[in-house]
């Protein structure tokens, strides 16, 4: 399965829900699951697995890609986790780290 198909599968799993995929170390939501919510823990777990697969494949072309350990989190993410300032600007445009 290629990157495009993996990303589409993750997006297809998303919907309303209180579960999201984020780094076990930083709490930041890794692309391609960033901003997506999942209806239950099982679906979010599948998305986390696909996110690991996607990022491992991408790392073959970009060895400098930050390593994340995508895991399932329950509840609303913090603004920092999704890279947004309270006014909706990205952290980078608000003067923070991207």
PDB file of N, CA and C in Angstrom:
ATOM      1  N   UNK A   1       0.851  -1.166   0.000  1.00  0.00           N
ATOM      2  CA  UNK A   1       0.000   0.000   0.000  1.00  0.00           C
ATOM      3  C   UNK A   1       0.899   1.233   0.000  1.00  0.00           C
ATOM      4  N   UNK A   2       0.624   2.174  -0.895  1.00  0.00           N
ATOM      5  CA  UNK A   2       1.417   3.391  -1.007  1.00  0.00           C
ATOM      6  C   UNK A   2       0.982   4.466  -0.017  1.00  0.00           C
ATOM      7  N   UNK A   3       1.721   5.561  -0.019  1.00  0.00           N
ATOM      8  CA  UNK A   3       1.429   6.665   0.896  1.00  0.00           C
ATOM      9  C   UNK A   3       0.026   7.227   0.684  1.00  0.00           C
ATOM     10  N   UNK A   4      -0.335   7.445  -0.574  1.00  0.00           N
ATOM     11  CA  UNK A   4      -1.647   8.022  -0.875  1.00  0.00           C
ATOM     12  C   UNK A   4      -2.774   7.130  -0.360  1.00  0.00           C
ATOM     13  N   UNK A   5      -2.669   5.847  -0.619  1.00  0.00           N
ATOM     14  CA  UNK A   5      -3.711   4.914  -0.174  1.00  0.00           C
ATOM     15  C   UNK A   5      -3.766   4.827   1.357  1.00  0.00           C
ATOM     16  N   UNK A   6      -2.617   4.823   1.986  1.00  0.00           N
ATOM     17  CA  UNK A   6      -2.581   4.774   3.457  1.00  0.00           C
ATOM     18  C   UNK A   6      -3.254   6.007   4.035  1.00  0.00           C
ATOM     19  N   UNK A   7      -2.932   7.191   3.483  1.00  0.00           N
ATOM     20  CA  UNK A   7      -3.562   8.425   3.958  1.00  0.00           C
ATOM     21  C   UNK A   7      -5.074   8.380   3.754  1.00  0.00           C
ATOM     22  N   UNK A   8      -5.513   7.898   2.624  1.00  0.00           N
ATOM     23  CA  UNK A   8      -6.959   7.791   2.357  1.00  0.00           C
ATOM     24  C   UNK A   8      -7.646   6.843   3.339  1.00  0.00           C
ATOM     25  N   UNK A   9      -6.979   5.757   3.677  1.00  0.00           N
ATOM     26  CA  UNK A   9      -7.563   4.815   4.647  1.00  0.00           C
ATOM     27  C   UNK A   9      -7.707   5.452   6.021  1.00  0.00           C
ATOM     28  N   UNK A  10      -6.704   6.222   6.427  1.00  0.00           N
ATOM     29  CA  UNK A  10      -6.797   6.925   7.711  1.00  0.00           C
ATOM     30  C   UNK A  10      -7.963   7.902   7.684  1.00  0.00           C
ATOM     31  N   UNK A  11      -8.049   8.687   6.629  1.00  0.00           N
ATOM     32  CA  UNK A  11      -9.127   9.666   6.503  1.00  0.00           C
ATOM     33  C   UNK A  11     -10.497   8.993   6.480  1.00  0.00           C
ATOM     34  N   UNK A  12     -10.587   7.828   5.863  1.00  0.00           N
ATOM     35  CA  UNK A  12     -11.859   7.109   5.793  1.00  0.00           C
ATOM     36  C   UNK A  12     -12.307   6.607   7.164  1.00  0.00           C
ATOM     37  N   UNK A  13     -11.369   6.378   8.062  1.00  0.00           N
ATOM     38  CA  UNK A  13     -11.706   5.922   9.412  1.00  0.00           C
ATOM     39  C   UNK A  13     -12.237   7.065  10.291  1.00  0.00           C
ATOM     40  N   UNK A  14     -11.902   8.287   9.931  1.00  0.00           N
ATOM     41  CA  UNK A  14     -12.231   9.452  10.760  1.00  0.00           C
ATOM     42  C   UNK A  14     -13.718   9.765  10.747  1.00  0.00           C
ATOM     43  N   UNK A  15     -14.151  10.400  11.818  1.00  0.00           N
ATOM     44  CA  UNK A  15     -15.535  10.837  11.959  1.00  0.00           C
ATOM     45  C   UNK A  15     -15.671  11.545  13.286  1.00  0.00           C
ATOM     46  N   UNK A  16     -16.890  11.725  13.719  1.00  0.00           N
ATOM     47  CA  UNK A  16     -17.101  12.336  15.022  1.00  0.00           C
ATOM     48  C   UNK A  16     -16.637  11.367  16.098  1.00  0.00           C
ATOM     49  N   UNK A  17     -16.019  11.899  17.102  1.00  0.00           N
ATOM     50  CA  UNK A  17     -15.594  11.046  18.202  1.00  0.00           C
ATOM     51  C   UNK A  17     -14.668  11.777  19.136  1.00  0.00           C
ATOM     52  N   UNK A  18     -14.354  11.135  20.224  1.00  0.00           N
ATOM     53  CA  UNK A  18     -13.496  11.761  21.229  1.00  0.00           C
ATOM     54  C   UNK A  18     -12.090  11.172  21.252  1.00  0.00           C
ATOM     55  N   UNK A  19     -11.766  10.339  20.281  1.00  0.00           N
ATOM     56  CA  UNK A  19     -10.445   9.716  20.215  1.00  0.00           C
ATOM     57  C   UNK A  19      -9.624  10.348  19.093  1.00  0.00           C
ATOM     58  N   UNK A  20      -8.327  10.504  19.338  1.00  0.00           N
ATOM     59  CA  UNK A  20      -7.434  11.030  18.326  1.00  0.00           C
ATOM     60  C   UNK A  20      -6.069  10.356  18.461  1.00  0.00           C
ATOM     61  N   UNK A  21      -5.256  10.510  17.431  1.00  0.00           N
ATOM     62  CA  UNK A  21      -3.916   9.927  17.401  1.00  0.00           C
ATOM     63  C   UNK A  21      -2.920  11.033  17.699  1.00  0.00           C
ATOM     64  N   UNK A  22      -2.023  10.780  18.643  1.00  0.00           N
ATOM     65  CA  UNK A  22      -0.996  11.756  19.000  1.00  0.00           C
ATOM     66  C   UNK A  22       0.270  11.029  19.438  1.00  0.00           C
ATOM     67  N   UNK A  23       1.359  11.763  19.441  1.00  0.00           N
ATOM     68  CA  UNK A  23       2.638  11.212  19.862  1.00  0.00           C
ATOM     69  C   UNK A  23       2.595  10.832  21.338  1.00  0.00           C
ATOM     70  N   UNK A  24       3.129   9.673  21.656  1.00  0.00           N
ATOM     71  CA  UNK A  24       3.187   9.232  23.052  1.00  0.00           C
ATOM     72  C   UNK A  24       4.126  10.116  23.864  1.00  0.00           C
ATOM     73  N   UNK A  25       5.123  10.695  23.212  1.00  0.00           N
ATOM     74  CA  UNK A  25       6.117  11.512  23.926  1.00  0.00           C
ATOM     75  C   UNK A  25       5.706  12.973  24.059  1.00  0.00           C
ATOM     76  N   UNK A  26       5.205  13.565  22.974  1.00  0.00           N
ATOM     77  CA  UNK A  26       4.960  15.008  22.975  1.00  0.00           C
ATOM     78  C   UNK A  26       3.482  15.388  23.022  1.00  0.00           C
ATOM     79  N   UNK A  27       2.609  14.466  22.661  1.00  0.00           N
ATOM     80  CA  UNK A  27       1.188  14.779  22.585  1.00  0.00           C
ATOM     81  C   UNK A  27       0.795  15.455  21.282  1.00  0.00           C
ATOM     82  N   UNK A  28       1.783  15.763  20.438  1.00  0.00           N
ATOM     83  CA  UNK A  28       1.513  16.406  19.149  1.00  0.00           C
ATOM     84  C   UNK A  28       0.897  15.390  18.193  1.00  0.00           C
ATOM     85  N   UNK A  29      -0.064  15.857  17.412  1.00  0.00           N
ATOM     86  CA  UNK A  29      -0.723  14.976  16.452  1.00  0.00           C
ATOM     87  C   UNK A  29       0.099  14.890  15.176  1.00  0.00           C
ATOM     88  N   UNK A  30       0.549  13.695  14.802  1.00  0.00           N
ATOM     89  CA  UNK A  30       1.383  13.548  13.613  1.00  0.00           C
ATOM     90  C   UNK A  30       0.555  13.488  12.324  1.00  0.00           C
ATOM     91  N   UNK A  31       1.106  14.074  11.265  1.00  0.00           N
ATOM     92  CA  UNK A  31       0.515  13.913   9.943  1.00  0.00           C
ATOM     93  C   UNK A  31       0.686  12.455   9.546  1.00  0.00           C
ATOM     94  N   UNK A  32      -0.285  11.832   8.964  1.00  0.00           N
ATOM     95  CA  UNK A  32      -1.500  12.317   8.339  1.00  0.00           C
ATOM     96  C   UNK A  32      -2.752  12.248   9.221  1.00  0.00           C
ATOM     97  N   UNK A  33      -2.606  11.944  10.500  1.00  0.00           N
ATOM     98  CA  UNK A  33      -3.776  11.834  11.375  1.00  0.00           C
ATOM     99  C   UNK A  33      -4.089  13.137  12.112  1.00  0.00           C
ATOM    100  N   UNK A  34      -3.261  14.149  11.930  1.00  0.00           N
ATOM    101  CA  UNK A  34      -3.454  15.420  12.635  1.00  0.00           C
ATOM    102  C   UNK A  34      -4.821  16.018  12.337  1.00  0.00           C
ATOM    103  N   UNK A  35      -5.516  16.380  13.395  1.00  0.00           N
ATOM    104  CA  UNK A  35      -6.813  17.028  13.245  1.00  0.00           C
ATOM    105  C   UNK A  35      -7.985  16.085  13.067  1.00  0.00           C
ATOM    106  N   UNK A  36      -7.721  14.809  12.924  1.00  0.00           N
ATOM    107  CA  UNK A  36      -8.800  13.844  12.711  1.00  0.00           C
ATOM    108  C   UNK A  36      -9.286  13.279  14.045  1.00  0.00           C
ATOM    109  N   UNK A  37     -10.556  12.962  14.119  1.00  0.00           N
ATOM    110  CA  UNK A  37     -11.165  12.335  15.303  1.00  0.00           C
ATOM    111  C   UNK A  37     -11.763  11.005  14.877  1.00  0.00           C
ATOM    112  N   UNK A  38     -11.846  10.092  15.837  1.00  0.00           N
ATOM    113  CA  UNK A  38     -12.313   8.746  15.540  1.00  0.00           C
ATOM    114  C   UNK A  38     -13.403   8.355  16.524  1.00  0.00           C
ATOM    115  N   UNK A  39     -14.381   7.567  16.064  1.00  0.00           N
ATOM    116  CA  UNK A  39     -15.559   7.285  16.885  1.00  0.00           C
ATOM    117  C   UNK A  39     -15.321   6.387  18.096  1.00  0.00           C
ATOM    118  N   UNK A  40     -14.280   5.547  18.040  1.00  0.00           N
ATOM    119  CA  UNK A  40     -14.024   4.645  19.159  1.00  0.00           C
ATOM    120  C   UNK A  40     -12.544   4.296  19.209  1.00  0.00           C
ATOM    121  N   UNK A  41     -12.142   3.685  20.311  1.00  0.00           N
ATOM    122  CA  UNK A  41     -10.731   3.355  20.520  1.00  0.00           C
ATOM    123  C   UNK A  41     -10.209   2.379  19.465  1.00  0.00           C
ATOM    124  N   UNK A  42     -11.013   1.415  19.067  1.00  0.00           N
ATOM    125  CA  UNK A  42     -10.563   0.426  18.080  1.00  0.00           C
ATOM    126  C   UNK A  42     -10.248   1.076  16.742  1.00  0.00           C
ATOM    127  N   UNK A  43     -11.116   1.990  16.316  1.00  0.00           N
ATOM    128  CA  UNK A  43     -10.898   2.680  15.046  1.00  0.00           C
ATOM    129  C   UNK A  43      -9.670   3.585  15.138  1.00  0.00           C
ATOM    130  N   UNK A  44      -9.520   4.266  16.259  1.00  0.00           N
ATOM    131  CA  UNK A  44      -8.348   5.125  16.461  1.00  0.00           C
ATOM    132  C   UNK A  44      -7.066   4.291  16.502  1.00  0.00           C
ATOM    133  N   UNK A  45      -7.128   3.106  17.062  1.00  0.00           N
ATOM    134  CA  UNK A  45      -5.963   2.218  17.099  1.00  0.00           C
ATOM    135  C   UNK A  45      -5.554   1.819  15.682  1.00  0.00           C
ATOM    136  N   UNK A  46      -6.536   1.531  14.841  1.00  0.00           N
ATOM    137  CA  UNK A  46      -6.244   1.209  13.435  1.00  0.00           C
ATOM    138  C   UNK A  46      -5.599   2.418  12.752  1.00  0.00           C
ATOM    139  N   UNK A  47      -6.098   3.616  13.041  1.00  0.00           N
ATOM    140  CA  UNK A  47      -5.522   4.832  12.457  1.00  0.00           C
ATOM    141  C   UNK A  47      -4.098   5.056  12.953  1.00  0.00           C
ATOM    142  N   UNK A  48      -3.833   4.775  14.215  1.00  0.00           N
ATOM    143  CA  UNK A  48      -2.478   4.919  14.761  1.00  0.00           C
ATOM    144  C   UNK A  48      -1.517   3.948  14.066  1.00  0.00           C
ATOM    145  N   UNK A  49      -1.973   2.725  13.839  1.00  0.00           N
ATOM    146  CA  UNK A  49      -1.152   1.730  13.140  1.00  0.00           C
ATOM    147  C   UNK A  49      -0.835   2.203  11.719  1.00  0.00           C
ATOM    148  N   UNK A  50      -1.851   2.707  11.032  1.00  0.00           N
ATOM    149  CA  UNK A  50      -1.648   3.203   9.672  1.00  0.00           C
ATOM    150  C   UNK A  50      -0.747   4.437   9.658  1.00  0.00           C
ATOM    151  N   UNK A  51      -0.862   5.272  10.671  1.00  0.00           N
ATOM    152  CA  UNK A  51       0.003   6.453  10.770  1.00  0.00           C
ATOM    153  C   UNK A  51       1.454   6.037  10.937  1.00  0.00           C
ATOM    154  N   UNK A  52       1.710   5.033  11.773  1.00  0.00           N
ATOM    155  CA  UNK A  52       3.078   4.515  11.926  1.00  0.00           C
ATOM    156  C   UNK A  52       3.601   3.990  10.590  1.00  0.00           C
ATOM    157  N   UNK A  53       2.767   3.257   9.875  1.00  0.00           N
ATOM    158  CA  UNK A  53       3.160   2.696   8.578  1.00  0.00           C
ATOM    159  C   UNK A  53       3.465   3.818   7.575  1.00  0.00           C
ATOM    160  N   UNK A  54       2.603   4.829   7.535  1.00  0.00           N
ATOM    161  CA  UNK A  54       2.774   5.960   6.624  1.00  0.00           C
ATOM    162  C   UNK A  54       4.100   6.667   6.898  1.00  0.00           C
ATOM    163  N   UNK A  55       4.348   6.983   8.174  1.00  0.00           N
ATOM    164  CA  UNK A  55       5.546   7.728   8.533  1.00  0.00           C
ATOM    165  C   UNK A  55       6.817   6.899   8.332  1.00  0.00           C
ATOM    166  N   UNK A  56       6.732   5.597   8.534  1.00  0.00           N
ATOM    167  CA  UNK A  56       7.896   4.728   8.281  1.00  0.00           C
ATOM    168  C   UNK A  56       8.227   4.729   6.790  1.00  0.00           C
ATOM    169  N   UNK A  57       7.211   4.674   5.950  1.00  0.00           N
ATOM    170  CA  UNK A  57       7.437   4.702   4.502  1.00  0.00           C
ATOM    171  C   UNK A  57       8.010   6.056   4.081  1.00  0.00           C
ATOM    172  N   UNK A  58       7.473   7.126   4.621  1.00  0.00           N
ATOM    173  CA  UNK A  58       7.945   8.464   4.290  1.00  0.00           C
ATOM    174  C   UNK A  58       9.389   8.671   4.758  1.00  0.00           C
ATOM    175  N   UNK A  59       9.750   8.074   5.869  1.00  0.00           N
ATOM    176  CA  UNK A  59      11.108   8.205   6.404  1.00  0.00           C
ATOM    177  C   UNK A  59      12.154   7.603   5.459  1.00  0.00           C
ATOM    178  N   UNK A  60      11.743   6.696   4.579  1.00  0.00           N
ATOM    179  CA  UNK A  60      12.690   6.150   3.605  1.00  0.00           C
ATOM    180  C   UNK A  60      13.211   7.245   2.683  1.00  0.00           C
ATOM    181  N   UNK A  61      12.362   8.227   2.372  1.00  0.00           N
ATOM    182  CA  UNK A  61      12.762   9.337   1.504  1.00  0.00           C
ATOM    183  C   UNK A  61      13.297  10.515   2.311  1.00  0.00           C
ATOM    184  N   UNK A  62      12.880  10.622   3.544  1.00  0.00           N
ATOM    185  CA  UNK A  62      13.300  11.739   4.395  1.00  0.00           C
ATOM    186  C   UNK A  62      13.721  11.202   5.756  1.00  0.00           C
ATOM    187  N   UNK A  63      14.975  10.770   5.864  1.00  0.00           N
ATOM    188  CA  UNK A  63      15.448  10.189   7.119  1.00  0.00           C
ATOM    189  C   UNK A  63      15.402  11.159   8.296  1.00  0.00           C
ATOM    190  N   UNK A  64      15.282  12.445   8.030  1.00  0.00           N
ATOM    191  CA  UNK A  64      15.236  13.460   9.080  1.00  0.00           C
ATOM    192  C   UNK A  64      13.821  13.663   9.628  1.00  0.00           C
ATOM    193  N   UNK A  65      12.833  12.997   9.053  1.00  0.00           N
ATOM    194  CA  UNK A  65      11.452  13.122   9.527  1.00  0.00           C
ATOM    195  C   UNK A  65      11.389  12.753  11.003  1.00  0.00           C
ATOM    196  N   UNK A  66      10.791  13.616  11.772  1.00  0.00           N
ATOM    197  CA  UNK A  66      10.703  13.386  13.214  1.00  0.00           C
ATOM    198  C   UNK A  66      10.030  12.050  13.496  1.00  0.00           C
ATOM    199  N   UNK A  67      10.615  11.324  14.407  1.00  0.00           N
ATOM    200  CA  UNK A  67      10.043  10.051  14.813  1.00  0.00           C
ATOM    201  C   UNK A  67       8.997  10.302  15.891  1.00  0.00           C
ATOM    202  N   UNK A  68       7.813   9.806  15.655  1.00  0.00           N
ATOM    203  CA  UNK A  68       6.760   9.902  16.657  1.00  0.00           C
ATOM    204  C   UNK A  68       6.336   8.491  17.006  1.00  0.00           C
ATOM    205  N   UNK A  69       5.732   8.339  18.116  1.00  0.00           N
ATOM    206  CA  UNK A  69       5.192   7.051  18.510  1.00  0.00           C
ATOM    207  C   UNK A  69       3.685   7.249  18.612  1.00  0.00           C
ATOM    208  N   UNK A  70       2.963   7.159  17.467  1.00  0.00           N
ATOM    209  CA  UNK A  70       1.532   7.456  17.477  1.00  0.00           C
ATOM    210  C   UNK A  70       0.743   6.472  18.343  1.00  0.00           C
ATOM    211  N   UNK A  71       0.007   7.022  19.282  1.00  0.00           N
ATOM    212  CA  UNK A  71      -0.855   6.232  20.150  1.00  0.00           C
ATOM    213  C   UNK A  71      -2.221   6.906  20.226  1.00  0.00           C
ATOM    214  N   UNK A  72      -3.177   6.208  20.783  1.00  0.00           N
ATOM    215  CA  UNK A  72      -4.532   6.724  20.899  1.00  0.00           C
ATOM    216  C   UNK A  72      -4.670   7.542  22.178  1.00  0.00           C
ATOM    217  N   UNK A  73      -5.265   8.713  22.039  1.00  0.00           N
ATOM    218  CA  UNK A  73      -5.590   9.574  23.176  1.00  0.00           C
ATOM    219  C   UNK A  73      -7.097   9.773  23.180  1.00  0.00           C
ATOM    220  N   UNK A  74      -7.649   9.883  24.361  1.00  0.00           N
ATOM    221  CA  UNK A  74      -9.081  10.138  24.495  1.00  0.00           C
ATOM    222  C   UNK A  74      -9.284  11.552  25.011  1.00  0.00           C
ATOM    223  N   UNK A  75     -10.264  12.226  24.486  1.00  0.00           N
ATOM    224  CA  UNK A  75     -10.566  13.578  24.922  1.00  0.00           C
ATOM    225  C   UNK A  75     -10.126  14.600  23.907  1.00  0.00           C
ATOM    226  N   UNK A  76     -10.379  15.848  24.243  1.00  0.00           N
ATOM    227  CA  UNK A  76     -10.029  16.933  23.335  1.00  0.00           C
ATOM    228  C   UNK A  76      -8.534  17.191  23.398  1.00  0.00           C
ATOM    229  N   UNK A  77      -7.905  17.386  22.239  1.00  0.00           N
ATOM    230  CA  UNK A  77      -6.479  17.698  22.241  1.00  0.00           C
ATOM    231  C   UNK A  77      -6.243  19.135  22.689  1.00  0.00           C
ATOM    232  N   UNK A  78      -5.045  19.404  23.152  1.00  0.00           N
ATOM    233  CA  UNK A  78      -4.684  20.772  23.489  1.00  0.00           C
ATOM    234  C   UNK A  78      -4.410  21.532  22.202  1.00  0.00           C
ATOM    235  N   UNK A  79      -4.417  22.845  22.266  1.00  0.00           N
ATOM    236  CA  UNK A  79      -4.116  23.650  21.084  1.00  0.00           C
ATOM    237  C   UNK A  79      -2.708  23.370  20.586  1.00  0.00           C
ATOM    238  N   UNK A  80      -1.772  23.171  21.493  1.00  0.00           N
ATOM    239  CA  UNK A  80      -0.398  22.882  21.086  1.00  0.00           C
ATOM    240  C   UNK A  80      -0.312  21.556  20.340  1.00  0.00           C
ATOM    241  N   UNK A  81      -1.138  20.599  20.712  1.00  0.00           N
ATOM    242  CA  UNK A  81      -1.096  19.278  20.076  1.00  0.00           C
ATOM    243  C   UNK A  81      -1.463  19.351  18.614  1.00  0.00           C
ATOM    244  N   UNK A  82      -2.338  20.287  18.270  1.00  0.00           N
ATOM    245  CA  UNK A  82      -2.746  20.395  16.871  1.00  0.00           C
ATOM    246  C   UNK A  82      -2.044  21.547  16.168  1.00  0.00           C
ATOM    247  N   UNK A  83      -1.100  22.197  16.872  1.00  0.00           N
ATOM    248  CA  UNK A  83      -0.298  23.237  16.252  1.00  0.00           C
ATOM    249  C   UNK A  83      -1.063  24.512  15.974  1.00  0.00           C
ATOM    250  N   UNK A  84      -2.037  24.841  16.798  1.00  0.00           N
ATOM    251  CA  UNK A  84      -2.846  26.039  16.585  1.00  0.00           C
ATOM    252  C   UNK A  84      -2.798  26.946  17.813  1.00  0.00           C
ATOM    253  N   UNK A  85      -2.776  28.229  17.559  1.00  0.00           N
ATOM    254  CA  UNK A  85      -2.889  29.224  18.616  1.00  0.00           C
ATOM    255  C   UNK A  85      -4.373  29.442  18.888  1.00  0.00           C
ATOM    256  N   UNK A  86      -4.740  30.025  20.018  1.00  0.00           N
ATOM    257  CA  UNK A  86      -6.155  30.226  20.344  1.00  0.00           C
ATOM    258  C   UNK A  86      -6.938  30.990  19.282  1.00  0.00           C
ATOM    259  N   UNK A  87      -6.264  31.888  18.513  1.00  0.00           N
ATOM    260  CA  UNK A  87      -6.981  32.658  17.496  1.00  0.00           C
ATOM    261  C   UNK A  87      -7.135  31.888  16.187  1.00  0.00           C
ATOM    262  N   UNK A  88      -6.655  30.630  16.151  1.00  0.00           N
ATOM    263  CA  UNK A  88      -6.790  29.810  14.957  1.00  0.00           C
ATOM    264  C   UNK A  88      -5.569  29.836  14.054  1.00  0.00           C
ATOM    265  N   UNK A  89      -4.594  30.723  14.346  1.00  0.00           N
ATOM    266  CA  UNK A  89      -3.378  30.774  13.564  1.00  0.00           C
ATOM    267  C   UNK A  89      -2.543  29.546  13.889  1.00  0.00           C
ATOM    268  N   UNK A  90      -1.697  29.168  12.954  1.00  0.00           N
ATOM    269  CA  UNK A  90      -0.800  28.059  13.250  1.00  0.00           C
ATOM    270  C   UNK A  90       0.240  28.528  14.241  1.00  0.00           C
ATOM    271  N   UNK A  91       0.836  27.606  14.946  1.00  0.00           N
ATOM    272  CA  UNK A  91       1.849  27.961  15.940  1.00  0.00           C
ATOM    273  C   UNK A  91       2.991  28.708  15.283  1.00  0.00           C
ATOM    274  N   UNK A  92       3.377  28.314  14.065  1.00  0.00           N
ATOM    275  CA  UNK A  92       4.486  28.967  13.371  1.00  0.00           C
ATOM    276  C   UNK A  92       4.143  30.422  13.064  1.00  0.00           C
ATOM    277  N   UNK A  93       2.930  30.695  12.595  1.00  0.00           N
ATOM    278  CA  UNK A  93       2.568  32.074  12.265  1.00  0.00           C
ATOM    279  C   UNK A  93       2.354  32.905  13.511  1.00  0.00           C
ATOM    280  N   UNK A  94       2.132  32.264  14.648  1.00  0.00           N
ATOM    281  CA  UNK A  94       1.942  32.980  15.903  1.00  0.00           C
ATOM    282  C   UNK A  94       3.259  33.172  16.639  1.00  0.00           C
ATOM    283  N   UNK A  95       4.353  32.777  15.994  1.00  0.00           N
ATOM    284  CA  UNK A  95       5.660  32.970  16.600  1.00  0.00           C
ATOM    285  C   UNK A  95       6.161  31.765  17.372  1.00  0.00           C
ATOM    286  N   UNK A  96       5.412  30.675  17.363  1.00  0.00           N
ATOM    287  CA  UNK A  96       5.831  29.465  18.073  1.00  0.00           C
ATOM    288  C   UNK A  96       6.515  28.501  17.140  1.00  0.00           C
ATOM    289  N   UNK A  97       6.822  27.349  17.641  1.00  0.00           N
ATOM    290  CA  UNK A  97       7.420  26.307  16.826  1.00  0.00           C
ATOM    291  C   UNK A  97       6.364  25.719  15.909  1.00  0.00           C
ATOM    292  N   UNK A  98       6.728  25.315  14.704  1.00  0.00           N
ATOM    293  CA  UNK A  98       5.749  24.717  13.774  1.00  0.00           C
ATOM    294  C   UNK A  98       5.241  23.397  14.268  1.00  0.00           C
TER     295      UNK A  98
END
